[in-house]
């Protein structure tokens, strides 16, 4: 999959060094993936949750961090819309970021 929104990930990792390994591992998985449905994403990431409109929420590093993406399955594109701590995630509307 093609990954867009890396700048959000880079900025976040600068503020939260403890998240670096988890985000790097997630990025490596996404770049190798060829997902066609949310079911395929869930098969690889059981804790990921679809939240409508091709959006998925990923729990990273034991649910300490949350990542919201939009997946365009036909185009093969994953767009990062939000990355933050669990507390920061609780303050956003994941369906609209």
PDB file of N, CA and C in Angstrom:
ATOM      1  N   UNK A   1       0.845  -1.169   0.000  1.00  0.00           N
ATOM      2  CA  UNK A   1       0.000   0.000   0.000  1.00  0.00           C
ATOM      3  C   UNK A   1       0.899   1.244   0.000  1.00  0.00           C
ATOM      4  N   UNK A   2       0.414   2.273  -0.616  1.00  0.00           N
ATOM      5  CA  UNK A   2       1.095   3.566  -0.602  1.00  0.00           C
ATOM      6  C   UNK A   2       0.643   4.301   0.649  1.00  0.00           C
ATOM      7  N   UNK A   3       1.571   4.839   1.406  1.00  0.00           N
ATOM      8  CA  UNK A   3       1.269   5.513   2.668  1.00  0.00           C
ATOM      9  C   UNK A   3       1.439   7.010   2.512  1.00  0.00           C
ATOM     10  N   UNK A   4       0.387   7.766   2.818  1.00  0.00           N
ATOM     11  CA  UNK A   4       0.474   9.228   2.823  1.00  0.00           C
ATOM     12  C   UNK A   4       0.261   9.717   4.256  1.00  0.00           C
ATOM     13  N   UNK A   5       0.723  10.904   4.533  1.00  0.00           N
ATOM     14  CA  UNK A   5       0.588  11.472   5.867  1.00  0.00           C
ATOM     15  C   UNK A   5       1.742  11.132   6.789  1.00  0.00           C
ATOM     16  N   UNK A   6       2.860  10.785   6.201  1.00  0.00           N
ATOM     17  CA  UNK A   6       4.044  10.436   7.005  1.00  0.00           C
ATOM     18  C   UNK A   6       4.498  11.596   7.884  1.00  0.00           C
ATOM     19  N   UNK A   7       4.239  12.818   7.445  1.00  0.00           N
ATOM     20  CA  UNK A   7       4.649  13.972   8.235  1.00  0.00           C
ATOM     21  C   UNK A   7       3.993  13.969   9.612  1.00  0.00           C
ATOM     22  N   UNK A   8       2.753  13.518   9.694  1.00  0.00           N
ATOM     23  CA  UNK A   8       2.079  13.412  10.994  1.00  0.00           C
ATOM     24  C   UNK A   8       2.790  12.401  11.889  1.00  0.00           C
ATOM     25  N   UNK A   9       3.190  11.296  11.291  1.00  0.00           N
ATOM     26  CA  UNK A   9       3.889  10.260  12.051  1.00  0.00           C
ATOM     27  C   UNK A   9       5.251  10.765  12.531  1.00  0.00           C
ATOM     28  N   UNK A  10       5.972  11.432  11.648  1.00  0.00           N
ATOM     29  CA  UNK A  10       7.301  11.941  11.989  1.00  0.00           C
ATOM     30  C   UNK A  10       7.222  12.957  13.120  1.00  0.00           C
ATOM     31  N   UNK A  11       6.283  13.878  13.023  1.00  0.00           N
ATOM     32  CA  UNK A  11       6.108  14.888  14.066  1.00  0.00           C
ATOM     33  C   UNK A  11       5.755  14.233  15.396  1.00  0.00           C
ATOM     34  N   UNK A  12       4.875  13.257  15.355  1.00  0.00           N
ATOM     35  CA  UNK A  12       4.461  12.579  16.577  1.00  0.00           C
ATOM     36  C   UNK A  12       5.628  11.824  17.210  1.00  0.00           C
ATOM     37  N   UNK A  13       6.403  11.131  16.391  1.00  0.00           N
ATOM     38  CA  UNK A  13       7.533  10.363  16.926  1.00  0.00           C
ATOM     39  C   UNK A  13       8.597  11.256  17.554  1.00  0.00           C
ATOM     40  N   UNK A  14       8.720  12.490  17.084  1.00  0.00           N
ATOM     41  CA  UNK A  14       9.657  13.432  17.694  1.00  0.00           C
ATOM     42  C   UNK A  14       9.217  13.795  19.111  1.00  0.00           C
ATOM     43  N   UNK A  15       7.914  13.863  19.329  1.00  0.00           N
ATOM     44  CA  UNK A  15       7.380  14.196  20.653  1.00  0.00           C
ATOM     45  C   UNK A  15       7.264  12.984  21.569  1.00  0.00           C
ATOM     46  N   UNK A  16       7.115  11.798  20.971  1.00  0.00           N
ATOM     47  CA  UNK A  16       6.874  10.576  21.745  1.00  0.00           C
ATOM     48  C   UNK A  16       7.838   9.477  21.281  1.00  0.00           C
ATOM     49  N   UNK A  17       9.042   9.533  21.773  1.00  0.00           N
ATOM     50  CA  UNK A  17      10.076   8.576  21.367  1.00  0.00           C
ATOM     51  C   UNK A  17       9.668   7.134  21.651  1.00  0.00           C
ATOM     52  N   UNK A  18       8.872   6.915  22.671  1.00  0.00           N
ATOM     53  CA  UNK A  18       8.441   5.557  23.026  1.00  0.00           C
ATOM     54  C   UNK A  18       7.560   4.929  21.953  1.00  0.00           C
ATOM     55  N   UNK A  19       7.017   5.745  21.063  1.00  0.00           N
ATOM     56  CA  UNK A  19       6.133   5.242  20.012  1.00  0.00           C
ATOM     57  C   UNK A  19       6.886   4.857  18.740  1.00  0.00           C
ATOM     58  N   UNK A  20       8.162   5.185  18.651  1.00  0.00           N
ATOM     59  CA  UNK A  20       8.909   5.002  17.402  1.00  0.00           C
ATOM     60  C   UNK A  20       8.893   3.577  16.876  1.00  0.00           C
ATOM     61  N   UNK A  21       9.207   2.612  17.725  1.00  0.00           N
ATOM     62  CA  UNK A  21       9.256   1.221  17.258  1.00  0.00           C
ATOM     63  C   UNK A  21       7.894   0.744  16.774  1.00  0.00           C
ATOM     64  N   UNK A  22       6.859   1.064  17.519  1.00  0.00           N
ATOM     65  CA  UNK A  22       5.512   0.623  17.148  1.00  0.00           C
ATOM     66  C   UNK A  22       5.081   1.243  15.823  1.00  0.00           C
ATOM     67  N   UNK A  23       5.355   2.523  15.650  1.00  0.00           N
ATOM     68  CA  UNK A  23       4.974   3.189  14.400  1.00  0.00           C
ATOM     69  C   UNK A  23       5.808   2.664  13.244  1.00  0.00           C
ATOM     70  N   UNK A  24       7.094   2.474  13.447  1.00  0.00           N
ATOM     71  CA  UNK A  24       7.949   1.935  12.379  1.00  0.00           C
ATOM     72  C   UNK A  24       7.484   0.536  11.956  1.00  0.00           C
ATOM     73  N   UNK A  25       7.109  -0.286  12.908  1.00  0.00           N
ATOM     74  CA  UNK A  25       6.619  -1.628  12.592  1.00  0.00           C
ATOM     75  C   UNK A  25       5.306  -1.547  11.827  1.00  0.00           C
ATOM     76  N   UNK A  26       4.413  -0.644  12.236  1.00  0.00           N
ATOM     77  CA  UNK A  26       3.139  -0.475  11.544  1.00  0.00           C
ATOM     78  C   UNK A  26       3.373  -0.006  10.105  1.00  0.00           C
ATOM     79  N   UNK A  27       4.270   0.970   9.927  1.00  0.00           N
ATOM     80  CA  UNK A  27       4.581   1.484   8.585  1.00  0.00           C
ATOM     81  C   UNK A  27       5.117   0.355   7.699  1.00  0.00           C
ATOM     82  N   UNK A  28       6.018  -0.443   8.217  1.00  0.00           N
ATOM     83  CA  UNK A  28       6.578  -1.553   7.432  1.00  0.00           C
ATOM     84  C   UNK A  28       5.485  -2.525   7.009  1.00  0.00           C
ATOM     85  N   UNK A  29       4.558  -2.820   7.891  1.00  0.00           N
ATOM     86  CA  UNK A  29       3.437  -3.722   7.558  1.00  0.00           C
ATOM     87  C   UNK A  29       2.562  -3.124   6.464  1.00  0.00           C
ATOM     88  N   UNK A  30       2.246  -1.851   6.598  1.00  0.00           N
ATOM     89  CA  UNK A  30       1.373  -1.185   5.622  1.00  0.00           C
ATOM     90  C   UNK A  30       2.024  -1.167   4.251  1.00  0.00           C
ATOM     91  N   UNK A  31       3.301  -0.854   4.195  1.00  0.00           N
ATOM     92  CA  UNK A  31       3.987  -0.769   2.901  1.00  0.00           C
ATOM     93  C   UNK A  31       4.033  -2.118   2.180  1.00  0.00           C
ATOM     94  N   UNK A  32       3.989  -3.203   2.915  1.00  0.00           N
ATOM     95  CA  UNK A  32       4.011  -4.538   2.309  1.00  0.00           C
ATOM     96  C   UNK A  32       2.608  -5.083   2.024  1.00  0.00           C
ATOM     97  N   UNK A  33       1.609  -4.459   2.584  1.00  0.00           N
ATOM     98  CA  UNK A  33       0.232  -4.971   2.482  1.00  0.00           C
ATOM     99  C   UNK A  33      -0.382  -4.710   1.111  1.00  0.00           C
ATOM    100  N   UNK A  34      -1.376  -5.526   0.805  1.00  0.00           N
ATOM    101  CA  UNK A  34      -2.207  -5.340  -0.396  1.00  0.00           C
ATOM    102  C   UNK A  34      -3.662  -5.569  -0.008  1.00  0.00           C
ATOM    103  N   UNK A  35      -4.116  -4.834   0.987  1.00  0.00           N
ATOM    104  CA  UNK A  35      -5.468  -5.021   1.501  1.00  0.00           C
ATOM    105  C   UNK A  35      -6.520  -4.637   0.475  1.00  0.00           C
ATOM    106  N   UNK A  36      -7.569  -5.421   0.424  1.00  0.00           N
ATOM    107  CA  UNK A  36      -8.707  -5.139  -0.457  1.00  0.00           C
ATOM    108  C   UNK A  36      -9.983  -4.855   0.336  1.00  0.00           C
ATOM    109  N   UNK A  37     -10.004  -5.249   1.613  1.00  0.00           N
ATOM    110  CA  UNK A  37     -11.181  -5.044   2.458  1.00  0.00           C
ATOM    111  C   UNK A  37     -10.744  -4.796   3.899  1.00  0.00           C
ATOM    112  N   UNK A  38     -11.664  -4.270   4.678  1.00  0.00           N
ATOM    113  CA  UNK A  38     -11.375  -4.065   6.099  1.00  0.00           C
ATOM    114  C   UNK A  38     -11.202  -5.397   6.819  1.00  0.00           C
ATOM    115  N   UNK A  39     -11.806  -6.452   6.294  1.00  0.00           N
ATOM    116  CA  UNK A  39     -11.639  -7.788   6.893  1.00  0.00           C
ATOM    117  C   UNK A  39     -10.188  -8.254   6.790  1.00  0.00           C
ATOM    118  N   UNK A  40      -9.528  -7.925   5.691  1.00  0.00           N
ATOM    119  CA  UNK A  40      -8.117  -8.279   5.542  1.00  0.00           C
ATOM    120  C   UNK A  40      -7.257  -7.490   6.527  1.00  0.00           C
ATOM    121  N   UNK A  41      -7.620  -6.233   6.769  1.00  0.00           N
ATOM    122  CA  UNK A  41      -6.885  -5.425   7.753  1.00  0.00           C
ATOM    123  C   UNK A  41      -7.059  -6.046   9.137  1.00  0.00           C
ATOM    124  N   UNK A  42      -8.305  -6.400   9.483  1.00  0.00           N
ATOM    125  CA  UNK A  42      -8.596  -7.000  10.788  1.00  0.00           C
ATOM    126  C   UNK A  42      -7.888  -8.340  10.963  1.00  0.00           C
ATOM    127  N   UNK A  43      -7.707  -9.077   9.882  1.00  0.00           N
ATOM    128  CA  UNK A  43      -7.007 -10.364   9.971  1.00  0.00           C
ATOM    129  C   UNK A  43      -5.555 -10.155  10.395  1.00  0.00           C
ATOM    130  N   UNK A  44      -4.951  -9.070   9.945  1.00  0.00           N
ATOM    131  CA  UNK A  44      -3.556  -8.775  10.297  1.00  0.00           C
ATOM    132  C   UNK A  44      -3.437  -8.015  11.607  1.00  0.00           C
ATOM    133  N   UNK A  45      -4.395  -7.110  11.858  1.00  0.00           N
ATOM    134  CA  UNK A  45      -4.414  -6.286  13.067  1.00  0.00           C
ATOM    135  C   UNK A  45      -5.749  -6.477  13.778  1.00  0.00           C
ATOM    136  N   UNK A  46      -5.885  -7.527  14.560  1.00  0.00           N
ATOM    137  CA  UNK A  46      -7.174  -7.829  15.207  1.00  0.00           C
ATOM    138  C   UNK A  46      -7.721  -6.702  16.091  1.00  0.00           C
ATOM    139  N   UNK A  47      -6.849  -5.857  16.635  1.00  0.00           N
ATOM    140  CA  UNK A  47      -7.334  -4.780  17.494  1.00  0.00           C
ATOM    141  C   UNK A  47      -7.771  -3.544  16.706  1.00  0.00           C
ATOM    142  N   UNK A  48      -7.557  -3.537  15.392  1.00  0.00           N
ATOM    143  CA  UNK A  48      -7.991  -2.412  14.563  1.00  0.00           C
ATOM    144  C   UNK A  48      -9.509  -2.436  14.447  1.00  0.00           C
ATOM    145  N   UNK A  49     -10.094  -1.235  14.407  1.00  0.00           N
ATOM    146  CA  UNK A  49     -11.547  -1.133  14.317  1.00  0.00           C
ATOM    147  C   UNK A  49     -11.957  -0.277  13.135  1.00  0.00           C
ATOM    148  N   UNK A  50     -12.829  -0.812  12.271  1.00  0.00           N
ATOM    149  CA  UNK A  50     -13.392   0.021  11.209  1.00  0.00           C
ATOM    150  C   UNK A  50     -14.399   0.991  11.828  1.00  0.00           C
ATOM    151  N   UNK A  51     -14.365   2.247  11.401  1.00  0.00           N
ATOM    152  CA  UNK A  51     -15.287   3.234  11.966  1.00  0.00           C
ATOM    153  C   UNK A  51     -16.091   3.933  10.874  1.00  0.00           C
ATOM    154  N   UNK A  52     -16.250   3.277   9.741  1.00  0.00           N
ATOM    155  CA  UNK A  52     -17.054   3.820   8.656  1.00  0.00           C
ATOM    156  C   UNK A  52     -16.246   4.604   7.655  1.00  0.00           C
ATOM    157  N   UNK A  53     -16.803   4.748   6.461  1.00  0.00           N
ATOM    158  CA  UNK A  53     -16.197   5.533   5.371  1.00  0.00           C
ATOM    159  C   UNK A  53     -14.741   5.148   5.129  1.00  0.00           C
ATOM    160  N   UNK A  54     -14.463   3.845   5.138  1.00  0.00           N
ATOM    161  CA  UNK A  54     -13.115   3.306   4.901  1.00  0.00           C
ATOM    162  C   UNK A  54     -12.093   3.794   5.915  1.00  0.00           C
ATOM    163  N   UNK A  55     -12.543   4.159   7.099  1.00  0.00           N
ATOM    164  CA  UNK A  55     -11.648   4.587   8.168  1.00  0.00           C
ATOM    165  C   UNK A  55     -11.393   3.430   9.121  1.00  0.00           C
ATOM    166  N   UNK A  56     -10.149   3.388   9.606  1.00  0.00           N
ATOM    167  CA  UNK A  56      -9.756   2.380  10.584  1.00  0.00           C
ATOM    168  C   UNK A  56      -9.008   3.075  11.711  1.00  0.00           C
ATOM    169  N   UNK A  57      -9.204   2.553  12.914  1.00  0.00           N
ATOM    170  CA  UNK A  57      -8.452   3.008  14.081  1.00  0.00           C
ATOM    171  C   UNK A  57      -7.557   1.862  14.504  1.00  0.00           C
ATOM    172  N   UNK A  58      -6.276   2.143  14.617  1.00  0.00           N
ATOM    173  CA  UNK A  58      -5.293   1.157  15.056  1.00  0.00           C
ATOM    174  C   UNK A  58      -4.839   1.494  16.470  1.00  0.00           C
ATOM    175  N   UNK A  59      -4.747   0.498  17.308  1.00  0.00           N
ATOM    176  CA  UNK A  59      -4.163   0.641  18.636  1.00  0.00           C
ATOM    177  C   UNK A  59      -2.686   0.276  18.508  1.00  0.00           C
ATOM    178  N   UNK A  60      -1.822   1.151  18.978  1.00  0.00           N
ATOM    179  CA  UNK A  60      -0.388   0.905  18.906  1.00  0.00           C
ATOM    180  C   UNK A  60       0.209   0.844  20.299  1.00  0.00           C
ATOM    181  N   UNK A  61       1.210   0.005  20.448  1.00  0.00           N
ATOM    182  CA  UNK A  61       1.991  -0.124  21.683  1.00  0.00           C
ATOM    183  C   UNK A  61       1.088  -0.330  22.892  1.00  0.00           C
ATOM    184  N   UNK A  62       0.352  -1.432  22.844  1.00  0.00           N
ATOM    185  CA  UNK A  62      -0.489  -1.788  23.973  1.00  0.00           C
ATOM    186  C   UNK A  62      -1.618  -0.804  24.221  1.00  0.00           C
ATOM    187  N   UNK A  63      -2.124  -0.193  23.162  1.00  0.00           N
ATOM    188  CA  UNK A  63      -3.229   0.756  23.231  1.00  0.00           C
ATOM    189  C   UNK A  63      -2.828   2.085  23.885  1.00  0.00           C
ATOM    190  N   UNK A  64      -1.521   2.356  23.957  1.00  0.00           N
ATOM    191  CA  UNK A  64      -1.077   3.657  24.461  1.00  0.00           C
ATOM    192  C   UNK A  64      -1.269   4.758  23.424  1.00  0.00           C
ATOM    193  N   UNK A  65      -1.248   4.367  22.157  1.00  0.00           N
ATOM    194  CA  UNK A  65      -1.367   5.324  21.063  1.00  0.00           C
ATOM    195  C   UNK A  65      -2.451   4.875  20.111  1.00  0.00           C
ATOM    196  N   UNK A  66      -3.053   5.845  19.432  1.00  0.00           N
ATOM    197  CA  UNK A  66      -4.093   5.558  18.459  1.00  0.00           C
ATOM    198  C   UNK A  66      -3.719   6.201  17.132  1.00  0.00           C
ATOM    199  N   UNK A  67      -4.094   5.507  16.077  1.00  0.00           N
ATOM    200  CA  UNK A  67      -3.795   5.949  14.720  1.00  0.00           C
ATOM    201  C   UNK A  67      -5.067   5.812  13.902  1.00  0.00           C
ATOM    202  N   UNK A  68      -5.494   6.905  13.269  1.00  0.00           N
ATOM    203  CA  UNK A  68      -6.692   6.900  12.429  1.00  0.00           C
ATOM    204  C   UNK A  68      -6.245   7.072  10.984  1.00  0.00           C
ATOM    205  N   UNK A  69      -6.720   6.185  10.126  1.00  0.00           N
ATOM    206  CA  UNK A  69      -6.374   6.254   8.706  1.00  0.00           C
ATOM    207  C   UNK A  69      -7.626   6.104   7.854  1.00  0.00           C
ATOM    208  N   UNK A  70      -7.511   6.578   6.631  1.00  0.00           N
ATOM    209  CA  UNK A  70      -8.508   6.304   5.598  1.00  0.00           C
ATOM    210  C   UNK A  70      -7.829   5.401   4.591  1.00  0.00           C
ATOM    211  N   UNK A  71      -8.486   4.300   4.257  1.00  0.00           N
ATOM    212  CA  UNK A  71      -7.907   3.345   3.307  1.00  0.00           C
ATOM    213  C   UNK A  71      -8.720   3.359   2.023  1.00  0.00           C
ATOM    214  N   UNK A  72      -8.045   3.668   0.929  1.00  0.00           N
ATOM    215  CA  UNK A  72      -8.654   3.595  -0.396  1.00  0.00           C
ATOM    216  C   UNK A  72      -8.204   2.265  -0.991  1.00  0.00           C
ATOM    217  N   UNK A  73      -9.027   1.246  -0.796  1.00  0.00           N
ATOM    218  CA  UNK A  73      -8.629  -0.119  -1.141  1.00  0.00           C
ATOM    219  C   UNK A  73      -8.327  -0.294  -2.624  1.00  0.00           C
ATOM    220  N   UNK A  74      -9.147   0.226  -3.496  1.00  0.00           N
ATOM    221  CA  UNK A  74      -8.942   0.039  -4.934  1.00  0.00           C
ATOM    222  C   UNK A  74      -7.654   0.720  -5.389  1.00  0.00           C
ATOM    223  N   UNK A  75      -7.394   1.913  -4.878  1.00  0.00           N
ATOM    224  CA  UNK A  75      -6.191   2.661  -5.256  1.00  0.00           C
ATOM    225  C   UNK A  75      -4.952   2.158  -4.517  1.00  0.00           C
ATOM    226  N   UNK A  76      -5.157   1.430  -3.411  1.00  0.00           N
ATOM    227  CA  UNK A  76      -4.026   0.942  -2.638  1.00  0.00           C
ATOM    228  C   UNK A  76      -3.330   2.022  -1.837  1.00  0.00           C
ATOM    229  N   UNK A  77      -4.125   2.945  -1.266  1.00  0.00           N
ATOM    230  CA  UNK A  77      -3.563   4.075  -0.537  1.00  0.00           C
ATOM    231  C   UNK A  77      -4.086   4.079   0.901  1.00  0.00           C
ATOM    232  N   UNK A  78      -3.172   4.261   1.847  1.00  0.00           N
ATOM    233  CA  UNK A  78      -3.505   4.435   3.259  1.00  0.00           C
ATOM    234  C   UNK A  78      -3.092   5.848   3.630  1.00  0.00           C
ATOM    235  N   UNK A  79      -4.062   6.661   4.067  1.00  0.00           N
ATOM    236  CA  UNK A  79      -3.795   8.058   4.421  1.00  0.00           C
ATOM    237  C   UNK A  79      -3.926   8.245   5.923  1.00  0.00           C
ATOM    238  N   UNK A  80      -2.845   8.641   6.553  1.00  0.00           N
ATOM    239  CA  UNK A  80      -2.866   8.907   7.991  1.00  0.00           C
ATOM    240  C   UNK A  80      -3.614  10.212   8.224  1.00  0.00           C
ATOM    241  N   UNK A  81      -4.602  10.154   9.116  1.00  0.00           N
ATOM    242  CA  UNK A  81      -5.389  11.343   9.440  1.00  0.00           C
ATOM    243  C   UNK A  81      -5.117  11.847  10.850  1.00  0.00           C
ATOM    244  N   UNK A  82      -4.722  10.939  11.744  1.00  0.00           N
ATOM    245  CA  UNK A  82      -4.466  11.317  13.129  1.00  0.00           C
ATOM    246  C   UNK A  82      -3.557  10.285  13.756  1.00  0.00           C
ATOM    247  N   UNK A  83      -2.640  10.740  14.590  1.00  0.00           N
ATOM    248  CA  UNK A  83      -1.864   9.866  15.461  1.00  0.00           C
ATOM    249  C   UNK A  83      -1.707  10.614  16.774  1.00  0.00           C
ATOM    250  N   UNK A  84      -1.970   9.909  17.868  1.00  0.00           N
ATOM    251  CA  UNK A  84      -1.882  10.556  19.160  1.00  0.00           C
ATOM    252  C   UNK A  84      -1.967   9.571  20.300  1.00  0.00           C
ATOM    253  N   UNK A  85      -1.867  10.110  21.498  1.00  0.00           N
ATOM    254  CA  UNK A  85      -2.034   9.277  22.678  1.00  0.00           C
ATOM    255  C   UNK A  85      -3.500   8.898  22.801  1.00  0.00           C
ATOM    256  N   UNK A  86      -3.769   7.937  23.646  1.00  0.00           N
ATOM    257  CA  UNK A  86      -5.156   7.535  23.859  1.00  0.00           C
ATOM    258  C   UNK A  86      -5.970   8.727  24.359  1.00  0.00           C
ATOM    259  N   UNK A  87      -5.395   9.519  25.256  1.00  0.00           N
ATOM    260  CA  UNK A  87      -6.100  10.693  25.782  1.00  0.00           C
ATOM    261  C   UNK A  87      -6.382  11.718  24.680  1.00  0.00           C
ATOM    262  N   UNK A  88      -5.425  11.932  23.788  1.00  0.00           N
ATOM    263  CA  UNK A  88      -5.642  12.863  22.668  1.00  0.00           C
ATOM    264  C   UNK A  88      -6.723  12.331  21.740  1.00  0.00           C
ATOM    265  N   UNK A  89      -6.717  11.036  21.513  1.00  0.00           N
ATOM    266  CA  UNK A  89      -7.736  10.409  20.660  1.00  0.00           C
ATOM    267  C   UNK A  89      -9.136  10.630  21.236  1.00  0.00           C
ATOM    268  N   UNK A  90      -9.253  10.558  22.539  1.00  0.00           N
ATOM    269  CA  UNK A  90     -10.556  10.740  23.182  1.00  0.00           C
ATOM    270  C   UNK A  90     -11.130  12.131  22.970  1.00  0.00           C
ATOM    271  N   UNK A  91     -10.298  13.091  22.587  1.00  0.00           N
ATOM    272  CA  UNK A  91     -10.756  14.474  22.383  1.00  0.00           C
ATOM    273  C   UNK A  91     -11.087  14.806  20.929  1.00  0.00           C
ATOM    274  N   UNK A  92     -10.949  13.864  20.020  1.00  0.00           N
ATOM    275  CA  UNK A  92     -11.231  14.128  18.607  1.00  0.00           C
ATOM    276  C   UNK A  92     -12.451  13.344  18.156  1.00  0.00           C
ATOM    277  N   UNK A  93     -12.962  13.707  16.997  1.00  0.00           N
ATOM    278  CA  UNK A  93     -13.986  12.909  16.341  1.00  0.00           C
ATOM    279  C   UNK A  93     -13.290  12.148  15.219  1.00  0.00           C
ATOM    280  N   UNK A  94     -13.017  10.885  15.457  1.00  0.00           N
ATOM    281  CA  UNK A  94     -12.233  10.077  14.515  1.00  0.00           C
ATOM    282  C   UNK A  94     -12.915   9.935  13.160  1.00  0.00           C
ATOM    283  N   UNK A  95     -14.192  10.118  13.098  1.00  0.00           N
ATOM    284  CA  UNK A  95     -14.915  10.017  11.824  1.00  0.00           C
ATOM    285  C   UNK A  95     -14.750  11.263  10.963  1.00  0.00           C
ATOM    286  N   UNK A  96     -14.191  12.340  11.558  1.00  0.00           N
ATOM    287  CA  UNK A  96     -14.087  13.601  10.833  1.00  0.00           C
ATOM    288  C   UNK A  96     -12.664  14.107  10.631  1.00  0.00           C
ATOM    289  N   UNK A  97     -11.674  13.534  11.308  1.00  0.00           N
ATOM    290  CA  UNK A  97     -10.300  14.038  11.139  1.00  0.00           C
ATOM    291  C   UNK A  97      -9.769  13.644   9.778  1.00  0.00           C
TER     292      UNK A  97
END
